[in-house]
Amino acid sequence: MGKHIDALTGMRAMAVLVVFLAHLQQHYFPYVELDGSPLLIASYSGMTIFFVLSGFVIHWNYGALFAAEWSWMACWKFFVARFSRLYPLHLAVTLFALMAGMYLNYGLFVQHIFMVQTWVHQGQLNMTYFNTWSISTEWFFYFTYAATYPLIALFGKSNGSMWLLAGVVCTALAVYWMAGPGLTVSDLWILYQGPYLRLCEFATGVVAAQIVITRRAQGRDVPSDVVLVLTIVLTMVFYHTSLGQITKINYLIAPMVAVALIVVSDCRSVFAEVLSARWLLWIGDRSYSIYLLEAVFLVESYRLETPLGYVFEPRRVFTWSGFFVGGMFSVFGFALVLVLSNFCWRYLELPARKALKQALTSSVGSSGRSQTV
């Protein structure tokens, strides 16, 4: 397992804040005047940050495990660690959705139980509390990583990381240019919710981690903050000259995120120091709970809003009274989600993760083998 990098936790916090604030805007400030706002556009990039960051963290933490022993035992340790991390809160939200009547049939519920709801498109977007789709997509990434690790290691040993990164970028560009001008439900699944093309983003993170690992092994420094600034500028220039569907453009942000991860992996980076602020680390630790619970709040908030006279209307005209009411609900929702997320993190995520790891590795530990990471 690689050395812990605080800045990665801070980056995860920034991503979840962007997504949460954008969802609050969409729900409480859906004004025509705010169409195409920077926050709304940035929200579509939040998932790109999550997936690239996930690839980096997975390879950074578990690459050594597979390098030492690519076997069924190594895969078991890996999946125990990741299942223990994802499943307890996902299961709690899934059961809550069942009680709230969110599933059209039990087949959809079963798919959520096994976290495979985005693996196959069935003519509709199969998700509850609109954020849960990404858990299934992430789960697919883990299977792909474990199965293809020998190929990843081959590129790492041959210093082919940059070629692999170039291939991922070219694939993303091909997706962008081949997609049509409009998006059907099937297109949205292929480009956004489905795991198969978004695997490019996860792979970009894996490559970024391998670059850092290789450079450190060779005693070489990672690129400086100047490189990150230049990358951000170039990406933004390209972004503003490539107007189109946001869901296609977000693939093009993945290389910028990869460069950011490479730069902040050095604790001497100014960006790393900023992302290591204590309040960002606090949010980053609880980001998974925040991410899932903010969706639950926004879907179920009508139970509170309706008695108080607020009704969601997409693309409404701006009024000061509506803005004030939306602001009050936003502040309340933001504070409530933070409080509930802290509770879930302390009393559900951490205890359940520890208990699952102990339960799933007890037989392995009793046989004298090492415990899961």
Protein backbone atom coordinates (compact mmCIF):
# COMPACT_ATOMS: atom_id res chain seq x y z
CA MET A 1 0.00 0.00 0.00
CA GLY A 2 1.35 3.42 -0.97
CA LYS A 3 1.98 6.19 1.49
CA HIS A 4 -1.19 8.09 2.38
CA ILE A 5 -1.57 11.37 0.46
CA ASP A 6 -3.80 13.89 2.25
CA ALA A 7 -4.29 15.96 -0.89
CA LEU A 8 -6.21 13.10 -2.52
CA THR A 9 -8.75 13.21 0.32
CA GLY A 10 -9.01 16.96 -0.18
CA MET A 11 -9.59 16.50 -3.90
CA ARG A 12 -12.37 14.03 -3.16
CA ALA A 13 -13.92 16.65 -0.87
CA MET A 14 -13.81 19.27 -3.62
CA ALA A 15 -15.49 16.88 -6.06
CA VAL A 16 -18.33 15.98 -3.70
CA LEU A 17 -18.89 19.64 -2.82
CA VAL A 18 -19.16 20.60 -6.49
CA VAL A 19 -21.65 17.80 -7.14
CA PHE A 20 -23.70 18.57 -4.01
CA LEU A 21 -23.86 22.34 -4.62
CA ALA A 22 -24.77 21.80 -8.27
CA HIS A 23 -27.62 19.48 -7.28
CA LEU A 24 -28.85 22.10 -4.81
CA GLN A 25 -28.81 24.66 -7.61
CA GLN A 26 -30.74 22.36 -9.94
CA HIS A 27 -33.38 21.71 -7.28
CA TYR A 28 -33.78 25.08 -5.57
CA PHE A 29 -32.51 27.55 -8.18
CA PRO A 30 -33.63 26.08 -11.54
CA TYR A 31 -33.83 29.48 -13.14
CA VAL A 32 -33.69 29.99 -16.88
CA GLU A 33 -31.13 32.72 -16.23
CA LEU A 34 -28.76 30.13 -14.67
CA ASP A 35 -28.80 27.69 -17.59
CA GLY A 36 -25.23 26.73 -18.39
CA SER A 37 -23.85 28.23 -15.18
CA PRO A 38 -20.24 27.31 -14.32
CA LEU A 39 -21.43 25.35 -11.27
CA LEU A 40 -23.90 23.33 -13.33
CA ILE A 41 -21.28 22.56 -15.98
CA ALA A 42 -18.71 21.70 -13.33
CA SER A 43 -21.10 19.21 -11.73
CA TYR A 44 -20.85 16.96 -14.78
CA SER A 45 -17.10 16.97 -14.31
CA GLY A 46 -17.42 15.94 -10.66
CA MET A 47 -17.92 12.31 -11.61
CA THR A 48 -14.88 12.45 -13.88
CA ILE A 49 -12.83 13.62 -10.90
CA PHE A 50 -14.24 10.78 -8.78
CA PHE A 51 -13.50 8.09 -11.35
CA VAL A 52 -9.98 9.28 -12.23
CA LEU A 53 -9.24 9.68 -8.52
CA SER A 54 -10.59 6.19 -7.88
CA GLY A 55 -8.24 4.69 -10.46
CA PHE A 56 -5.29 6.51 -8.91
CA VAL A 57 -6.15 5.48 -5.34
CA ILE A 58 -6.88 1.86 -6.25
CA HIS A 59 -3.56 1.38 -8.05
CA TRP A 60 -1.66 3.38 -5.44
CA ASN A 61 -3.04 1.30 -2.57
CA TYR A 62 -3.38 -2.16 -4.13
CA GLY A 63 -0.83 -2.27 -6.93
CA ALA A 64 1.81 -3.63 -4.56
CA LEU A 65 -0.61 -6.33 -3.37
CA PHE A 66 -1.10 -7.67 -6.89
CA ALA A 67 2.56 -7.15 -7.79
CA ALA A 68 3.60 -9.42 -4.92
CA GLU A 69 1.04 -12.09 -5.67
CA TRP A 70 -1.50 -11.92 -8.50
CA SER A 71 -3.62 -14.80 -7.29
CA TRP A 72 -7.07 -15.68 -6.04
CA MET A 73 -5.92 -14.81 -2.53
CA ALA A 74 -4.78 -11.34 -3.61
CA CYS A 75 -8.08 -10.80 -5.44
CA TRP A 76 -9.97 -11.93 -2.34
CA LYS A 77 -8.11 -9.44 -0.15
CA PHE A 78 -8.76 -6.69 -2.67
CA PHE A 79 -12.48 -7.34 -2.98
CA VAL A 80 -12.95 -7.74 0.77
CA ALA A 81 -11.41 -4.31 1.27
CA ARG A 82 -13.46 -2.63 -1.46
CA PHE A 83 -16.73 -4.45 -0.65
CA SER A 84 -16.37 -3.46 2.99
CA ARG A 85 -15.87 0.13 1.90
CA LEU A 86 -18.81 0.40 -0.51
CA TYR A 87 -21.51 -2.02 0.51
CA PRO A 88 -22.78 -1.13 4.02
CA LEU A 89 -23.98 2.38 3.15
CA HIS A 90 -25.08 1.31 -0.33
CA LEU A 91 -27.20 -1.46 1.20
CA ALA A 92 -28.71 0.95 3.74
CA VAL A 93 -29.72 3.38 0.98
CA THR A 94 -31.04 0.53 -1.18
CA LEU A 95 -33.24 -0.80 1.63
CA PHE A 96 -34.46 2.71 2.39
CA ALA A 97 -35.38 3.13 -1.29
CA LEU A 98 -37.30 -0.16 -1.17
CA MET A 99 -39.32 1.02 1.83
CA ALA A 100 -39.95 4.36 0.09
CA GLY A 101 -41.35 2.56 -2.97
CA MET A 102 -38.60 3.70 -5.34
CA TYR A 103 -38.34 0.41 -7.29
CA LEU A 104 -40.70 -0.27 -10.18
CA ASN A 105 -40.16 -4.02 -9.75
CA TYR A 106 -38.10 -6.36 -7.61
CA GLY A 107 -35.77 -7.12 -10.52
CA LEU A 108 -34.41 -3.58 -10.28
CA PHE A 109 -34.06 -3.99 -6.53
CA VAL A 110 -32.06 -7.22 -6.93
CA GLN A 111 -29.73 -5.50 -9.39
CA HIS A 112 -29.06 -2.79 -6.81
CA ILE A 113 -28.43 -5.40 -4.12
CA PHE A 114 -25.68 -6.91 -6.28
CA MET A 115 -24.47 -3.46 -7.49
CA VAL A 116 -24.83 -4.34 -11.18
CA GLN A 117 -27.65 -1.94 -12.16
CA THR A 118 -25.61 -0.03 -14.75
CA TRP A 119 -23.88 -3.00 -16.35
CA VAL A 120 -26.69 -3.69 -18.83
CA HIS A 121 -29.04 -1.13 -20.36
CA GLN A 122 -32.70 -2.14 -20.29
CA GLY A 123 -34.36 0.77 -22.03
CA GLN A 124 -34.50 2.93 -18.92
CA LEU A 125 -32.01 4.41 -16.47
CA ASN A 126 -32.03 1.95 -13.58
CA MET A 127 -31.15 3.97 -10.52
CA THR A 128 -32.66 5.17 -7.27
CA TYR A 129 -31.73 8.42 -5.59
CA PHE A 130 -29.95 9.44 -8.80
CA ASN A 131 -26.42 9.01 -7.35
CA THR A 132 -26.48 5.25 -6.77
CA TRP A 133 -25.65 4.45 -10.40
CA SER A 134 -22.00 5.37 -9.85
CA ILE A 135 -21.57 2.68 -7.16
CA SER A 136 -22.40 0.01 -9.73
CA THR A 137 -20.03 1.58 -12.27
CA GLU A 138 -17.27 1.73 -9.65
CA TRP A 139 -17.85 -1.93 -8.78
CA PHE A 140 -17.32 -2.83 -12.44
CA PHE A 141 -14.00 -0.96 -12.39
CA TYR A 142 -12.77 -3.12 -9.51
CA PHE A 143 -13.43 -6.34 -11.41
CA THR A 144 -11.70 -4.95 -14.47
CA TYR A 145 -8.67 -3.81 -12.47
CA ALA A 146 -8.21 -7.18 -10.76
CA ALA A 147 -8.59 -9.07 -14.04
CA THR A 148 -6.24 -6.88 -16.07
CA TYR A 149 -3.51 -6.20 -13.53
CA PRO A 150 -0.87 -8.26 -15.43
CA LEU A 151 -1.37 -5.95 -18.43
CA ILE A 152 -1.06 -2.89 -16.19
CA ALA A 153 2.13 -4.29 -14.67
CA LEU A 154 3.52 -5.00 -18.15
CA PHE A 155 3.11 -1.36 -19.15
CA GLY A 156 4.62 -0.26 -15.85
CA LYS A 157 7.74 -2.39 -16.30
CA SER A 158 8.23 -1.29 -19.90
CA ASN A 159 7.78 2.41 -19.06
CA GLY A 160 4.75 2.38 -21.35
CA SER A 161 2.55 4.40 -19.01
CA MET A 162 2.58 7.50 -21.21
CA TRP A 163 1.61 5.43 -24.25
CA LEU A 164 -1.24 3.88 -22.30
CA LEU A 165 -2.39 7.34 -21.20
CA ALA A 166 -2.24 8.53 -24.80
CA GLY A 167 -4.38 5.56 -25.82
CA VAL A 168 -6.97 6.36 -23.17
CA VAL A 169 -7.11 10.00 -24.30
CA CYS A 170 -7.46 8.98 -27.95
CA THR A 171 -10.31 6.63 -27.03
CA ALA A 172 -12.07 9.44 -25.18
CA LEU A 173 -11.61 11.78 -28.16
CA ALA A 174 -13.02 9.14 -30.49
CA VAL A 175 -16.10 8.78 -28.28
CA TYR A 176 -16.51 12.55 -28.30
CA TRP A 177 -16.33 13.00 -32.06
CA MET A 178 -18.38 9.92 -33.02
CA ALA A 179 -21.30 10.76 -30.74
CA GLY A 180 -24.22 12.48 -32.38
CA PRO A 181 -25.44 16.02 -31.61
CA GLY A 182 -28.34 14.80 -29.45
CA LEU A 183 -28.58 12.34 -26.57
CA THR A 184 -31.21 9.63 -26.28
CA VAL A 185 -31.69 7.65 -23.08
CA SER A 186 -29.48 4.91 -24.52
CA ASP A 187 -26.79 7.45 -25.43
CA LEU A 188 -26.91 8.87 -21.91
CA TRP A 189 -26.38 5.38 -20.49
CA ILE A 190 -23.48 4.68 -22.85
CA LEU A 191 -21.74 8.01 -22.26
CA TYR A 192 -22.57 8.75 -18.65
CA GLN A 193 -23.96 5.98 -16.43
CA GLY A 194 -22.58 2.87 -18.11
CA PRO A 195 -19.18 1.58 -16.95
CA TYR A 196 -17.68 0.61 -20.29
CA LEU A 197 -16.64 4.01 -21.66
CA ARG A 198 -16.15 5.59 -18.25
CA LEU A 199 -13.53 2.92 -17.71
CA CYS A 200 -11.31 5.33 -19.72
CA GLU A 201 -11.44 7.73 -16.77
CA PHE A 202 -10.60 5.04 -14.22
CA ALA A 203 -7.74 3.84 -16.43
CA THR A 204 -6.42 7.40 -16.67
CA GLY A 205 -6.15 7.46 -12.87
CA VAL A 206 -4.38 4.09 -12.83
CA VAL A 207 -1.86 5.36 -15.36
CA ALA A 208 -1.30 8.53 -13.32
CA ALA A 209 -0.55 6.45 -10.22
CA GLN A 210 1.85 4.24 -12.18
CA ILE A 211 3.70 7.33 -13.44
CA VAL A 212 4.19 8.53 -9.85
CA ILE A 213 5.27 5.07 -8.68
CA THR A 214 7.77 4.75 -11.55
CA ARG A 215 9.24 8.22 -11.09
CA ARG A 216 9.66 7.71 -7.34
CA ALA A 217 11.34 4.36 -7.90
CA GLN A 218 13.76 6.10 -10.26
CA GLY A 219 14.39 8.91 -7.77
CA ARG A 220 12.82 11.52 -10.05
CA ASP A 221 10.49 14.34 -8.96
CA VAL A 222 6.94 14.64 -10.21
CA PRO A 223 6.00 17.67 -12.36
CA SER A 224 5.71 21.02 -10.59
CA ASP A 225 2.69 23.25 -9.95
CA VAL A 226 3.54 25.17 -13.13
CA VAL A 227 2.74 22.09 -15.21
CA LEU A 228 -0.65 21.77 -13.52
CA VAL A 229 -1.48 25.45 -14.09
CA LEU A 230 -0.59 25.17 -17.79
CA THR A 231 -2.65 22.00 -18.12
CA ILE A 232 -5.68 23.64 -16.53
CA VAL A 233 -5.38 26.67 -18.82
CA LEU A 234 -5.07 24.56 -21.97
CA THR A 235 -8.00 22.35 -20.91
CA MET A 236 -10.22 25.36 -20.24
CA VAL A 237 -9.34 26.91 -23.61
CA PHE A 238 -10.23 23.68 -25.36
CA TYR A 239 -13.33 23.33 -23.20
CA HIS A 240 -14.73 26.70 -24.24
CA THR A 241 -14.01 26.11 -27.92
CA SER A 242 -15.65 22.66 -27.95
CA LEU A 243 -19.24 23.53 -27.12
CA GLY A 244 -21.63 20.62 -27.22
CA GLN A 245 -23.02 17.97 -24.93
CA ILE A 246 -21.48 18.30 -21.48
CA THR A 247 -21.61 14.55 -20.95
CA LYS A 248 -19.22 14.09 -23.86
CA ILE A 249 -16.88 16.90 -22.92
CA ASN A 250 -16.21 15.54 -19.43
CA TYR A 251 -14.02 12.77 -20.86
CA LEU A 252 -11.64 15.45 -22.07
CA ILE A 253 -11.13 16.70 -18.51
CA ALA A 254 -9.73 13.34 -17.34
CA PRO A 255 -6.14 14.05 -18.48
CA MET A 256 -6.18 17.36 -16.56
CA VAL A 257 -7.34 15.52 -13.43
CA ALA A 258 -4.58 12.96 -13.96
CA VAL A 259 -1.95 15.70 -14.14
CA ALA A 260 -3.40 17.25 -10.97
CA LEU A 261 -3.12 13.92 -9.14
CA ILE A 262 0.48 13.49 -10.26
CA VAL A 263 1.40 17.00 -9.09
CA VAL A 264 -0.35 16.89 -5.70
CA SER A 265 1.18 13.49 -4.91
CA ASP A 266 4.22 15.59 -3.95
CA CYS A 267 3.58 17.07 -0.50
CA ARG A 268 5.78 20.04 -1.45
CA SER A 269 3.24 21.21 -4.00
CA VAL A 270 1.31 24.38 -3.19
CA PHE A 271 -1.84 22.71 -4.50
CA ALA A 272 -1.19 19.76 -2.18
CA GLU A 273 -0.98 22.09 0.81
CA VAL A 274 -4.26 23.78 -0.12
CA LEU A 275 -6.04 20.44 -0.62
CA SER A 276 -4.71 19.20 2.74
CA ALA A 277 -6.65 21.81 4.72
CA ARG A 278 -8.28 20.23 7.76
CA TRP A 279 -11.84 21.17 6.76
CA LEU A 280 -11.35 19.54 3.36
CA LEU A 281 -9.96 16.39 4.98
CA TRP A 282 -13.02 16.30 7.28
CA ILE A 283 -15.37 16.48 4.30
CA GLY A 284 -13.25 14.09 2.25
CA ASP A 285 -13.40 11.39 4.91
CA ARG A 286 -17.20 11.65 4.88
CA SER A 287 -17.55 12.21 1.15
CA TYR A 288 -19.16 8.82 0.42
CA SER A 289 -21.90 9.44 2.97
CA ILE A 290 -22.37 13.01 1.73
CA TYR A 291 -22.58 11.81 -1.87
CA LEU A 292 -25.32 9.25 -1.22
CA LEU A 293 -27.27 11.13 1.43
CA GLU A 294 -27.52 14.38 -0.52
CA ALA A 295 -29.42 12.50 -3.21
CA VAL A 296 -31.73 10.93 -0.63
CA PHE A 297 -32.42 14.37 0.84
CA LEU A 298 -33.21 16.00 -2.51
CA VAL A 299 -35.53 13.19 -3.61
CA GLU A 300 -37.38 13.00 -0.30
CA SER A 301 -37.33 16.74 0.46
CA TYR A 302 -40.80 17.21 -0.99
CA ARG A 303 -42.16 15.78 2.27
CA LEU A 304 -40.86 18.91 3.97
CA GLU A 305 -41.24 21.35 1.10
CA THR A 306 -44.87 20.71 0.19
CA PRO A 307 -46.34 21.57 3.62
CA LEU A 308 -44.26 24.76 3.55
CA GLY A 309 -45.56 25.77 0.13
CA TYR A 310 -42.49 25.06 -2.02
CA VAL A 311 -43.03 23.13 -5.27
CA PHE A 312 -40.17 22.25 -7.60
CA GLU A 313 -40.59 23.70 -11.09
CA PRO A 314 -37.83 23.14 -13.66
CA ARG A 315 -36.69 26.20 -15.59
CA ARG A 316 -38.65 28.74 -13.59
CA VAL A 317 -38.29 32.51 -13.95
CA PHE A 318 -36.19 34.25 -11.32
CA THR A 319 -37.96 35.96 -8.42
CA TRP A 320 -36.44 37.29 -5.23
CA SER A 321 -39.00 35.50 -3.07
CA GLY A 322 -38.25 32.18 -4.77
CA PHE A 323 -34.55 32.83 -4.45
CA PHE A 324 -34.90 33.48 -0.71
CA VAL A 325 -36.98 30.34 -0.11
CA GLY A 326 -34.57 28.26 -2.17
CA GLY A 327 -31.65 29.67 -0.22
CA MET A 328 -33.24 28.77 3.11
CA PHE A 329 -33.92 25.18 2.00
CA SER A 330 -30.39 24.91 0.55
CA VAL A 331 -28.73 25.99 3.79
CA PHE A 332 -30.94 23.64 5.78
CA GLY A 333 -30.31 20.72 3.40
CA PHE A 334 -26.56 21.31 3.30
CA ALA A 335 -26.31 21.41 7.10
CA LEU A 336 -28.59 18.40 7.56
CA VAL A 337 -26.66 16.27 5.09
CA LEU A 338 -23.34 17.14 6.77
CA VAL A 339 -24.73 16.19 10.19
CA LEU A 340 -26.27 12.93 8.95
CA SER A 341 -23.14 12.09 6.96
CA ASN A 342 -20.94 12.51 10.01
CA PHE A 343 -23.29 10.22 11.94
CA CYS A 344 -23.32 7.59 9.16
CA TRP A 345 -19.55 7.74 8.79
CA ARG A 346 -18.92 7.25 12.51
CA TYR A 347 -21.65 4.76 13.38
CA LEU A 348 -22.31 2.91 10.12
CA GLU A 349 -19.44 3.15 7.64
CA LEU A 350 -16.47 2.66 9.99
CA PRO A 351 -17.95 -0.03 12.28
CA ALA A 352 -19.54 -1.96 9.41
CA ARG A 353 -16.33 -1.79 7.37
CA LYS A 354 -14.31 -3.18 10.27
CA ALA A 355 -16.86 -5.89 11.04
CA LEU A 356 -17.11 -7.01 7.41
CA LYS A 357 -13.35 -7.21 7.03
CA GLN A 358 -13.05 -9.29 10.19
CA ALA A 359 -15.92 -11.59 9.18
CA LEU A 360 -14.71 -12.13 5.61
CA THR A 361 -11.07 -12.68 6.56
CA SER A 362 -11.50 -14.68 9.79
CA SER A 363 -10.99 -18.03 8.11
CA VAL A 364 -8.03 -16.72 6.16
CA GLY A 365 -6.47 -15.18 9.28
CA SER A 366 -6.89 -18.38 11.28
CA SER A 367 -4.92 -20.31 8.65
CA GLY A 368 -1.90 -18.10 9.22
CA ARG A 369 -2.23 -15.94 6.13
CA SER A 370 -2.02 -12.15 6.26
CA GLN A 371 -5.13 -10.08 6.79
CA THR A 372 -6.67 -7.98 4.05
CA VAL A 373 -5.42 -4.45 3.45
